[in-house]
Amino acid sequence: MDYAKKYQMKCTLTFGDIYSQIIVWLIVLFVSLATALGLMGASRPIYALATVGLILVLSLPFLLFAFVTTLLNHIEFDAVDPESENAKSDAYAAGQMSSQSA
């Protein structure tokens, strides 16, 4: 009994899968910039910079977590049938031999 199986890793992630996450993060950025501009008109502009920095620092881990979990949800491992793999490698080798003889 041979327990060693070969697996093929396939990523099915498309841009549409993360598009909404990017849009939400851009909305967060624009809201933070609007808040900063509102505070910039006040007498304490340092609070405006601190607000933007704080929002960016706090939102980046959530964005990274969303991207990574979405990526991990789209990774698939499929067991490869040894007979079909041997047939593919034999066909590839036959193609190599015919191209070298030409």
PDB file of N, CA and C in Angstrom:
ATOM      1  N   MET A   1       0.836  -1.180   0.000  1.00  0.00           N
ATOM      2  CA  MET A   1       0.000   0.000   0.000  1.00  0.00           C
ATOM      3  C   MET A   1       0.878   1.239   0.000  1.00  0.00           C
ATOM      4  N   ASP A   2       0.598   2.095  -0.929  1.00  0.00           N
ATOM      5  CA  ASP A   2       1.365   3.327  -1.064  1.00  0.00           C
ATOM      6  C   ASP A   2       0.515   4.482  -0.555  1.00  0.00           C
ATOM      7  N   TYR A   3       0.930   5.052   0.568  1.00  0.00           N
ATOM      8  CA  TYR A   3       0.154   6.138   1.159  1.00  0.00           C
ATOM      9  C   TYR A   3       0.580   7.507   0.654  1.00  0.00           C
ATOM     10  N   ALA A   4       1.699   7.571  -0.024  1.00  0.00           N
ATOM     11  CA  ALA A   4       2.189   8.856  -0.511  1.00  0.00           C
ATOM     12  C   ALA A   4       1.407   9.248  -1.764  1.00  0.00           C
ATOM     13  N   LYS A   5       0.640  10.306  -1.642  1.00  0.00           N
ATOM     14  CA  LYS A   5      -0.128  10.809  -2.776  1.00  0.00           C
ATOM     15  C   LYS A   5       0.438  12.160  -3.180  1.00  0.00           C
ATOM     16  N   LYS A   6       0.322  12.443  -4.447  1.00  0.00           N
ATOM     17  CA  LYS A   6       0.751  13.748  -4.937  1.00  0.00           C
ATOM     18  C   LYS A   6      -0.471  14.644  -5.032  1.00  0.00           C
ATOM     19  N   TYR A   7      -0.255  15.893  -4.717  1.00  0.00           N
ATOM     20  CA  TYR A   7      -1.338  16.864  -4.747  1.00  0.00           C
ATOM     21  C   TYR A   7      -0.952  18.026  -5.654  1.00  0.00           C
ATOM     22  N   GLN A   8      -1.974  18.593  -6.259  1.00  0.00           N
ATOM     23  CA  GLN A   8      -1.773  19.760  -7.110  1.00  0.00           C
ATOM     24  C   GLN A   8      -2.434  20.947  -6.415  1.00  0.00           C
ATOM     25  N   MET A   9      -1.681  22.018  -6.232  1.00  0.00           N
ATOM     26  CA  MET A   9      -2.224  23.212  -5.602  1.00  0.00           C
ATOM     27  C   MET A   9      -2.735  24.154  -6.685  1.00  0.00           C
ATOM     28  N   LYS A  10      -3.949  24.657  -6.482  1.00  0.00           N
ATOM     29  CA  LYS A  10      -4.561  25.542  -7.461  1.00  0.00           C
ATOM     30  C   LYS A  10      -5.160  26.734  -6.725  1.00  0.00           C
ATOM     31  N   CYS A  11      -4.887  27.922  -7.208  1.00  0.00           N
ATOM     32  CA  CYS A  11      -5.444  29.145  -6.627  1.00  0.00           C
ATOM     33  C   CYS A  11      -6.527  29.671  -7.554  1.00  0.00           C
ATOM     34  N   THR A  12      -7.734  29.822  -7.032  1.00  0.00           N
ATOM     35  CA  THR A  12      -8.859  30.275  -7.839  1.00  0.00           C
ATOM     36  C   THR A  12      -9.231  31.721  -7.542  1.00  0.00           C
ATOM     37  N   LEU A  13      -8.333  32.462  -6.936  1.00  0.00           N
ATOM     38  CA  LEU A  13      -8.601  33.846  -6.559  1.00  0.00           C
ATOM     39  C   LEU A  13      -8.652  34.732  -7.798  1.00  0.00           C
ATOM     40  N   THR A  14      -9.654  35.571  -7.863  1.00  0.00           N
ATOM     41  CA  THR A  14      -9.763  36.547  -8.943  1.00  0.00           C
ATOM     42  C   THR A  14      -9.838  37.946  -8.322  1.00  0.00           C
ATOM     43  N   PHE A  15      -9.702  38.948  -9.162  1.00  0.00           N
ATOM     44  CA  PHE A  15      -9.742  40.317  -8.657  1.00  0.00           C
ATOM     45  C   PHE A  15     -11.116  40.645  -8.090  1.00  0.00           C
ATOM     46  N   GLY A  16     -12.159  40.068  -8.638  1.00  0.00           N
ATOM     47  CA  GLY A  16     -13.504  40.326  -8.144  1.00  0.00           C
ATOM     48  C   GLY A  16     -13.721  39.850  -6.723  1.00  0.00           C
ATOM     49  N   ASP A  17     -12.917  38.896  -6.275  1.00  0.00           N
ATOM     50  CA  ASP A  17     -13.053  38.389  -4.911  1.00  0.00           C
ATOM     51  C   ASP A  17     -12.592  39.401  -3.876  1.00  0.00           C
ATOM     52  N   ILE A  18     -11.635  40.234  -4.218  1.00  0.00           N
ATOM     53  CA  ILE A  18     -11.120  41.207  -3.253  1.00  0.00           C
ATOM     54  C   ILE A  18     -11.534  42.642  -3.593  1.00  0.00           C
ATOM     55  N   TYR A  19     -12.300  42.793  -4.670  1.00  0.00           N
ATOM     56  CA  TYR A  19     -12.683  44.128  -5.126  1.00  0.00           C
ATOM     57  C   TYR A  19     -13.466  44.880  -4.051  1.00  0.00           C
ATOM     58  N   SER A  20     -14.429  44.228  -3.417  1.00  0.00           N
ATOM     59  CA  SER A  20     -15.242  44.911  -2.408  1.00  0.00           C
ATOM     60  C   SER A  20     -14.403  45.286  -1.186  1.00  0.00           C
ATOM     61  N   GLN A  21     -13.414  44.461  -0.843  1.00  0.00           N
ATOM     62  CA  GLN A  21     -12.549  44.791   0.291  1.00  0.00           C
ATOM     63  C   GLN A  21     -11.734  46.047   0.001  1.00  0.00           C
ATOM     64  N   ILE A  22     -11.269  46.180  -1.219  1.00  0.00           N
ATOM     65  CA  ILE A  22     -10.505  47.368  -1.598  1.00  0.00           C
ATOM     66  C   ILE A  22     -11.390  48.603  -1.564  1.00  0.00           C
ATOM     67  N   ILE A  23     -12.618  48.467  -2.057  1.00  0.00           N
ATOM     68  CA  ILE A  23     -13.550  49.604  -2.064  1.00  0.00           C
ATOM     69  C   ILE A  23     -13.853  50.057  -0.636  1.00  0.00           C
ATOM     70  N   VAL A  24     -14.102  49.120   0.267  1.00  0.00           N
ATOM     71  CA  VAL A  24     -14.399  49.480   1.660  1.00  0.00           C
ATOM     72  C   VAL A  24     -13.189  50.168   2.291  1.00  0.00           C
ATOM     73  N   TRP A  25     -11.985  49.662   2.016  1.00  0.00           N
ATOM     74  CA  TRP A  25     -10.811  50.288   2.601  1.00  0.00           C
ATOM     75  C   TRP A  25     -10.593  51.691   2.028  1.00  0.00           C
ATOM     76  N   LEU A  26     -10.870  51.891   0.754  1.00  0.00           N
ATOM     77  CA  LEU A  26     -10.760  53.236   0.181  1.00  0.00           C
ATOM     78  C   LEU A  26     -11.776  54.189   0.808  1.00  0.00           C
ATOM     79  N   ILE A  27     -12.961  53.688   1.104  1.00  0.00           N
ATOM     80  CA  ILE A  27     -13.958  54.527   1.775  1.00  0.00           C
ATOM     81  C   ILE A  27     -13.452  54.927   3.158  1.00  0.00           C
ATOM     82  N   VAL A  28     -12.847  53.991   3.869  1.00  0.00           N
ATOM     83  CA  VAL A  28     -12.280  54.307   5.194  1.00  0.00           C
ATOM     84  C   VAL A  28     -11.196  55.369   5.059  1.00  0.00           C
ATOM     85  N   LEU A  29     -10.358  55.239   4.046  1.00  0.00           N
ATOM     86  CA  LEU A  29      -9.309  56.248   3.843  1.00  0.00           C
ATOM     87  C   LEU A  29      -9.886  57.622   3.543  1.00  0.00           C
ATOM     88  N   PHE A  30     -10.889  57.676   2.676  1.00  0.00           N
ATOM     89  CA  PHE A  30     -11.475  58.974   2.339  1.00  0.00           C
ATOM     90  C   PHE A  30     -12.197  59.596   3.524  1.00  0.00           C
ATOM     91  N   VAL A  31     -12.843  58.785   4.338  1.00  0.00           N
ATOM     92  CA  VAL A  31     -13.485  59.317   5.543  1.00  0.00           C
ATOM     93  C   VAL A  31     -12.432  59.852   6.511  1.00  0.00           C
ATOM     94  N   SER A  32     -11.317  59.160   6.643  1.00  0.00           N
ATOM     95  CA  SER A  32     -10.272  59.648   7.543  1.00  0.00           C
ATOM     96  C   SER A  32      -9.653  60.937   7.018  1.00  0.00           C
ATOM     97  N   LEU A  33      -9.494  61.021   5.706  1.00  0.00           N
ATOM     98  CA  LEU A  33      -8.972  62.275   5.145  1.00  0.00           C
ATOM     99  C   LEU A  33      -9.965  63.418   5.311  1.00  0.00           C
ATOM    100  N   ALA A  34     -11.255  63.125   5.183  1.00  0.00           N
ATOM    101  CA  ALA A  34     -12.267  64.166   5.399  1.00  0.00           C
ATOM    102  C   ALA A  34     -12.245  64.623   6.856  1.00  0.00           C
ATOM    103  N   THR A  35     -12.075  63.679   7.755  1.00  0.00           N
ATOM    104  CA  THR A  35     -11.966  64.027   9.174  1.00  0.00           C
ATOM    105  C   THR A  35     -10.726  64.878   9.423  1.00  0.00           C
ATOM    106  N   ALA A  36      -9.644  64.523   8.775  1.00  0.00           N
ATOM    107  CA  ALA A  36      -8.403  65.287   8.941  1.00  0.00           C
ATOM    108  C   ALA A  36      -8.558  66.701   8.405  1.00  0.00           C
ATOM    109  N   LEU A  37      -9.216  66.831   7.267  1.00  0.00           N
ATOM    110  CA  LEU A  37      -9.433  68.180   6.734  1.00  0.00           C
ATOM    111  C   LEU A  37     -10.339  69.003   7.640  1.00  0.00           C
ATOM    112  N   GLY A  38     -11.316  68.335   8.243  1.00  0.00           N
ATOM    113  CA  GLY A  38     -12.185  69.043   9.187  1.00  0.00           C
ATOM    114  C   GLY A  38     -11.420  69.504  10.417  1.00  0.00           C
ATOM    115  N   LEU A  39     -10.522  68.659  10.885  1.00  0.00           N
ATOM    116  CA  LEU A  39      -9.729  69.039  12.054  1.00  0.00           C
ATOM    117  C   LEU A  39      -8.613  70.015  11.690  1.00  0.00           C
ATOM    118  N   MET A  40      -8.197  70.013  10.443  1.00  0.00           N
ATOM    119  CA  MET A  40      -7.121  70.907  10.019  1.00  0.00           C
ATOM    120  C   MET A  40      -7.586  72.364  10.096  1.00  0.00           C
ATOM    121  N   GLY A  41      -8.860  72.574   9.861  1.00  0.00           N
ATOM    122  CA  GLY A  41      -9.391  73.930   9.954  1.00  0.00           C
ATOM    123  C   GLY A  41      -9.486  74.406  11.387  1.00  0.00           C
ATOM    124  N   ALA A  42      -9.472  73.489  12.319  1.00  0.00           N
ATOM    125  CA  ALA A  42      -9.516  73.863  13.734  1.00  0.00           C
ATOM    126  C   ALA A  42      -8.156  74.426  14.139  1.00  0.00           C
ATOM    127  N   SER A  43      -8.037  74.757  15.382  1.00  0.00           N
ATOM    128  CA  SER A  43      -6.797  75.393  15.840  1.00  0.00           C
ATOM    129  C   SER A  43      -5.699  74.380  16.142  1.00  0.00           C
ATOM    130  N   ARG A  44      -5.969  73.067  16.025  1.00  0.00           N
ATOM    131  CA  ARG A  44      -4.965  72.061  16.359  1.00  0.00           C
ATOM    132  C   ARG A  44      -4.761  71.098  15.187  1.00  0.00           C
ATOM    133  N   PRO A  45      -3.899  71.437  14.262  1.00  0.00           N
ATOM    134  CA  PRO A  45      -3.686  70.557  13.104  1.00  0.00           C
ATOM    135  C   PRO A  45      -2.947  69.264  13.436  1.00  0.00           C
ATOM    136  N   ILE A  46      -2.292  69.208  14.593  1.00  0.00           N
ATOM    137  CA  ILE A  46      -1.596  67.966  14.961  1.00  0.00           C
ATOM    138  C   ILE A  46      -2.597  66.847  15.196  1.00  0.00           C
ATOM    139  N   TYR A  47      -3.807  67.193  15.653  1.00  0.00           N
ATOM    140  CA  TYR A  47      -4.840  66.183  15.832  1.00  0.00           C
ATOM    141  C   TYR A  47      -5.289  65.607  14.492  1.00  0.00           C
ATOM    142  N   ALA A  48      -5.242  66.435  13.458  1.00  0.00           N
ATOM    143  CA  ALA A  48      -5.614  65.958  12.125  1.00  0.00           C
ATOM    144  C   ALA A  48      -4.633  64.886  11.652  1.00  0.00           C
ATOM    145  N   LEU A  49      -3.356  65.142  11.804  1.00  0.00           N
ATOM    146  CA  LEU A  49      -2.353  64.154  11.402  1.00  0.00           C
ATOM    147  C   LEU A  49      -2.425  62.900  12.264  1.00  0.00           C
ATOM    148  N   ALA A  50      -2.664  63.070  13.548  1.00  0.00           N
ATOM    149  CA  ALA A  50      -2.772  61.920  14.442  1.00  0.00           C
ATOM    150  C   ALA A  50      -3.992  61.070  14.094  1.00  0.00           C
ATOM    151  N   THR A  51      -5.079  61.717  13.694  1.00  0.00           N
ATOM    152  CA  THR A  51      -6.293  60.981  13.322  1.00  0.00           C
ATOM    153  C   THR A  51      -6.060  60.134  12.087  1.00  0.00           C
ATOM    154  N   VAL A  52      -5.446  60.710  11.075  1.00  0.00           N
ATOM    155  CA  VAL A  52      -5.168  59.947   9.848  1.00  0.00           C
ATOM    156  C   VAL A  52      -4.215  58.808  10.149  1.00  0.00           C
ATOM    157  N   GLY A  53      -3.162  59.062  10.903  1.00  0.00           N
ATOM    158  CA  GLY A  53      -2.210  58.006  11.249  1.00  0.00           C
ATOM    159  C   GLY A  53      -2.849  56.898  12.050  1.00  0.00           C
ATOM    160  N   LEU A  54      -3.682  57.260  13.001  1.00  0.00           N
ATOM    161  CA  LEU A  54      -4.346  56.259  13.829  1.00  0.00           C
ATOM    162  C   LEU A  54      -5.301  55.400  13.010  1.00  0.00           C
ATOM    163  N   ILE A  55      -6.056  56.017  12.131  1.00  0.00           N
ATOM    164  CA  ILE A  55      -6.994  55.252  11.299  1.00  0.00           C
ATOM    165  C   ILE A  55      -6.233  54.329  10.356  1.00  0.00           C
ATOM    166  N   LEU A  56      -5.153  54.810   9.769  1.00  0.00           N
ATOM    167  CA  LEU A  56      -4.360  53.948   8.888  1.00  0.00           C
ATOM    168  C   LEU A  56      -3.741  52.775   9.643  1.00  0.00           C
ATOM    169  N   VAL A  57      -3.173  53.059  10.792  1.00  0.00           N
ATOM    170  CA  VAL A  57      -2.514  51.998  11.567  1.00  0.00           C
ATOM    171  C   VAL A  57      -3.532  50.974  12.062  1.00  0.00           C
ATOM    172  N   LEU A  58      -4.712  51.415  12.431  1.00  0.00           N
ATOM    173  CA  LEU A  58      -5.722  50.487  12.926  1.00  0.00           C
ATOM    174  C   LEU A  58      -6.436  49.723  11.808  1.00  0.00           C
ATOM    175  N   SER A  59      -6.517  50.306  10.620  1.00  0.00           N
ATOM    176  CA  SER A  59      -7.254  49.631   9.545  1.00  0.00           C
ATOM    177  C   SER A  59      -6.384  48.671   8.735  1.00  0.00           C
ATOM    178  N   LEU A  60      -5.087  48.878   8.693  1.00  0.00           N
ATOM    179  CA  LEU A  60      -4.220  47.991   7.915  1.00  0.00           C
ATOM    180  C   LEU A  60      -4.228  46.530   8.382  1.00  0.00           C
ATOM    181  N   PRO A  61      -4.204  46.239   9.681  1.00  0.00           N
ATOM    182  CA  PRO A  61      -4.277  44.822  10.077  1.00  0.00           C
ATOM    183  C   PRO A  61      -5.576  44.147   9.648  1.00  0.00           C
ATOM    184  N   PHE A  62      -6.686  44.871   9.703  1.00  0.00           N
ATOM    185  CA  PHE A  62      -7.958  44.299   9.261  1.00  0.00           C
ATOM    186  C   PHE A  62      -7.956  44.048   7.763  1.00  0.00           C
ATOM    187  N   LEU A  63      -7.361  44.958   7.003  1.00  0.00           N
ATOM    188  CA  LEU A  63      -7.264  44.763   5.561  1.00  0.00           C
ATOM    189  C   LEU A  63      -6.383  43.563   5.245  1.00  0.00           C
ATOM    190  N   LEU A  64      -5.265  43.442   5.920  1.00  0.00           N
ATOM    191  CA  LEU A  64      -4.373  42.307   5.705  1.00  0.00           C
ATOM    192  C   LEU A  64      -5.056  40.995   6.080  1.00  0.00           C
ATOM    193  N   PHE A  65      -5.776  40.983   7.188  1.00  0.00           N
ATOM    194  CA  PHE A  65      -6.500  39.783   7.601  1.00  0.00           C
ATOM    195  C   PHE A  65      -7.553  39.401   6.560  1.00  0.00           C
ATOM    196  N   ALA A  66      -8.268  40.375   6.039  1.00  0.00           N
ATOM    197  CA  ALA A  66      -9.290  40.092   5.033  1.00  0.00           C
ATOM    198  C   ALA A  66      -8.659  39.527   3.761  1.00  0.00           C
ATOM    199  N   PHE A  67      -7.557  40.107   3.313  1.00  0.00           N
ATOM    200  CA  PHE A  67      -6.890  39.609   2.113  1.00  0.00           C
ATOM    201  C   PHE A  67      -6.369  38.188   2.308  1.00  0.00           C
ATOM    202  N   VAL A  68      -5.722  37.940   3.437  1.00  0.00           N
ATOM    203  CA  VAL A  68      -5.115  36.624   3.664  1.00  0.00           C
ATOM    204  C   VAL A  68      -6.189  35.549   3.785  1.00  0.00           C
ATOM    205  N   THR A  69      -7.250  35.826   4.534  1.00  0.00           N
ATOM    206  CA  THR A  69      -8.298  34.819   4.665  1.00  0.00           C
ATOM    207  C   THR A  69      -9.001  34.567   3.344  1.00  0.00           C
ATOM    208  N   THR A  70      -9.192  35.602   2.542  1.00  0.00           N
ATOM    209  CA  THR A  70      -9.793  35.407   1.227  1.00  0.00           C
ATOM    210  C   THR A  70      -8.880  34.563   0.346  1.00  0.00           C
ATOM    211  N   LEU A  71      -7.588  34.835   0.399  1.00  0.00           N
ATOM    212  CA  LEU A  71      -6.641  34.038  -0.380  1.00  0.00           C
ATOM    213  C   LEU A  71      -6.640  32.583   0.068  1.00  0.00           C
ATOM    214  N   LEU A  72      -6.612  32.350   1.374  1.00  0.00           N
ATOM    215  CA  LEU A  72      -6.592  30.979   1.878  1.00  0.00           C
ATOM    216  C   LEU A  72      -7.874  30.227   1.546  1.00  0.00           C
ATOM    217  N   ASN A  73      -8.986  30.936   1.449  1.00  0.00           N
ATOM    218  CA  ASN A  73     -10.242  30.284   1.077  1.00  0.00           C
ATOM    219  C   ASN A  73     -10.271  29.879  -0.391  1.00  0.00           C
ATOM    220  N   HIS A  74      -9.388  30.438  -1.195  1.00  0.00           N
ATOM    221  CA  HIS A  74      -9.379  30.140  -2.625  1.00  0.00           C
ATOM    222  C   HIS A  74      -8.216  29.250  -3.044  1.00  0.00           C
ATOM    223  N   ILE A  75      -7.548  28.628  -2.097  1.00  0.00           N
ATOM    224  CA  ILE A  75      -6.489  27.677  -2.426  1.00  0.00           C
ATOM    225  C   ILE A  75      -7.061  26.272  -2.305  1.00  0.00           C
ATOM    226  N   GLU A  76      -6.908  25.494  -3.363  1.00  0.00           N
ATOM    227  CA  GLU A  76      -7.443  24.136  -3.389  1.00  0.00           C
ATOM    228  C   GLU A  76      -6.307  23.146  -3.602  1.00  0.00           C
ATOM    229  N   PHE A  77      -6.403  22.017  -2.936  1.00  0.00           N
ATOM    230  CA  PHE A  77      -5.464  20.924  -3.131  1.00  0.00           C
ATOM    231  C   PHE A  77      -6.248  19.756  -3.708  1.00  0.00           C
ATOM    232  N   ASP A  78      -5.850  19.314  -4.888  1.00  0.00           N
ATOM    233  CA  ASP A  78      -6.497  18.192  -5.552  1.00  0.00           C
ATOM    234  C   ASP A  78      -5.520  17.032  -5.623  1.00  0.00           C
ATOM    235  N   ALA A  79      -6.001  15.859  -5.271  1.00  0.00           N
ATOM    236  CA  ALA A  79      -5.162  14.668  -5.385  1.00  0.00           C
ATOM    237  C   ALA A  79      -4.955  14.350  -6.860  1.00  0.00           C
ATOM    238  N   VAL A  80      -3.704  14.056  -7.212  1.00  0.00           N
ATOM    239  CA  VAL A  80      -3.360  13.753  -8.598  1.00  0.00           C
ATOM    240  C   VAL A  80      -3.350  12.240  -8.761  1.00  0.00           C
ATOM    241  N   ASP A  81      -4.050  11.762  -9.760  1.00  0.00           N
ATOM    242  CA  ASP A  81      -4.093  10.335 -10.052  1.00  0.00           C
ATOM    243  C   ASP A  81      -2.750   9.918 -10.654  1.00  0.00           C
ATOM    244  N   PRO A  82      -2.060   8.935 -10.069  1.00  0.00           N
ATOM    245  CA  PRO A  82      -0.727   8.555 -10.569  1.00  0.00           C
ATOM    246  C   PRO A  82      -0.754   8.059 -12.014  1.00  0.00           C
ATOM    247  N   GLU A  83      -1.827   7.360 -12.418  1.00  0.00           N
ATOM    248  CA  GLU A  83      -1.887   6.849 -13.786  1.00  0.00           C
ATOM    249  C   GLU A  83      -1.993   7.990 -14.798  1.00  0.00           C
ATOM    250  N   SER A  84      -2.827   8.972 -14.498  1.00  0.00           N
ATOM    251  CA  SER A  84      -2.969  10.095 -15.434  1.00  0.00           C
ATOM    252  C   SER A  84      -1.697  10.938 -15.458  1.00  0.00           C
ATOM    253  N   GLU A  85      -1.014  11.041 -14.316  1.00  0.00           N
ATOM    254  CA  GLU A  85       0.238  11.795 -14.292  1.00  0.00           C
ATOM    255  C   GLU A  85       1.305  11.087 -15.119  1.00  0.00           C
ATOM    256  N   ASN A  86       1.358   9.757 -15.035  1.00  0.00           N
ATOM    257  CA  ASN A  86       2.320   8.992 -15.843  1.00  0.00           C
ATOM    258  C   ASN A  86       2.014   9.150 -17.323  1.00  0.00           C
ATOM    259  N   ALA A  87       0.743   9.163 -17.670  1.00  0.00           N
ATOM    260  CA  ALA A  87       0.371   9.331 -19.072  1.00  0.00           C
ATOM    261  C   ALA A  87       0.776  10.718 -19.572  1.00  0.00           C
ATOM    262  N   LYS A  88       0.587  11.740 -18.710  1.00  0.00           N
ATOM    263  CA  LYS A  88       0.976  13.095 -19.104  1.00  0.00           C
ATOM    264  C   LYS A  88       2.486  13.202 -19.278  1.00  0.00           C
ATOM    265  N   SER A  89       3.242  12.607 -18.347  1.00  0.00           N
ATOM    266  CA  SER A  89       4.701  12.694 -18.442  1.00  0.00           C
ATOM    267  C   SER A  89       5.211  11.901 -19.640  1.00  0.00           C
ATOM    268  N   ASP A  90       4.554  10.759 -19.956  1.00  0.00           N
ATOM    269  CA  ASP A  90       4.949   9.997 -21.148  1.00  0.00           C
ATOM    270  C   ASP A  90       4.659  10.792 -22.413  1.00  0.00           C
ATOM    271  N   ALA A  91       3.513  11.462 -22.465  1.00  0.00           N
ATOM    272  CA  ALA A  91       3.170  12.264 -23.636  1.00  0.00           C
ATOM    273  C   ALA A  91       4.127  13.449 -23.760  1.00  0.00           C
ATOM    274  N   TYR A  92       4.499  14.036 -22.627  1.00  0.00           N
ATOM    275  CA  TYR A  92       5.445  15.161 -22.650  1.00  0.00           C
ATOM    276  C   TYR A  92       6.806  14.693 -23.142  1.00  0.00           C
ATOM    277  N   ALA A  93       7.242  13.530 -22.667  1.00  0.00           N
ATOM    278  CA  ALA A  93       8.547  12.993 -23.090  1.00  0.00           C
ATOM    279  C   ALA A  93       8.518  12.651 -24.583  1.00  0.00           C
ATOM    280  N   ALA A  94       7.412  12.120 -25.073  1.00  0.00           N
ATOM    281  CA  ALA A  94       7.304  11.794 -26.496  1.00  0.00           C
ATOM    282  C   ALA A  94       7.330  13.076 -27.335  1.00  0.00           C
ATOM    283  N   GLY A  95       6.727  14.130 -26.823  1.00  0.00           N
ATOM    284  CA  GLY A  95       6.753  15.416 -27.515  1.00  0.00           C
ATOM    285  C   GLY A  95       8.148  16.002 -27.549  1.00  0.00           C
ATOM    286  N   GLN A  96       8.873  15.833 -26.451  1.00  0.00           N
ATOM    287  CA  GLN A  96      10.263  16.310 -26.404  1.00  0.00           C
ATOM    288  C   GLN A  96      11.151  15.551 -27.377  1.00  0.00           C
ATOM    289  N   MET A  97      10.943  14.257 -27.454  1.00  0.00           N
ATOM    290  CA  MET A  97      11.755  13.423 -28.356  1.00  0.00           C
ATOM    291  C   MET A  97      11.486  13.797 -29.808  1.00  0.00           C
ATOM    292  N   SER A  98      10.206  14.045 -30.147  1.00  0.00           N
ATOM    293  CA  SER A  98       9.892  14.372 -31.542  1.00  0.00           C
ATOM    294  C   SER A  98      10.387  15.766 -31.892  1.00  0.00           C
ATOM    295  N   SER A  99      10.383  16.694 -30.953  1.00  0.00           N
ATOM    296  CA  SER A  99      10.864  18.040 -31.250  1.00  0.00           C
ATOM    297  C   SER A  99      12.392  18.048 -31.371  1.00  0.00           C
ATOM    298  N   GLN A 100      13.082  17.182 -30.638  1.00  0.00           N
ATOM    299  CA  GLN A 100      14.531  17.134 -30.715  1.00  0.00           C
ATOM    300  C   GLN A 100      14.993  16.480 -32.016  1.00  0.00           C
ATOM    301  N   SER A 101      14.200  15.557 -32.532  1.00  0.00           N
ATOM    302  CA  SER A 101      14.608  14.874 -33.774  1.00  0.00           C
ATOM    303  C   SER A 101      14.331  15.740 -34.997  1.00  0.00           C
ATOM    304  N   ALA A 102      13.483  16.748 -34.857  1.00  0.00           N
ATOM    305  CA  ALA A 102      13.141  17.599 -36.008  1.00  0.00           C
ATOM    306  C   ALA A 102      14.174  18.648 -36.269  1.00  0.00           C
TER     307      ALA A 102
END
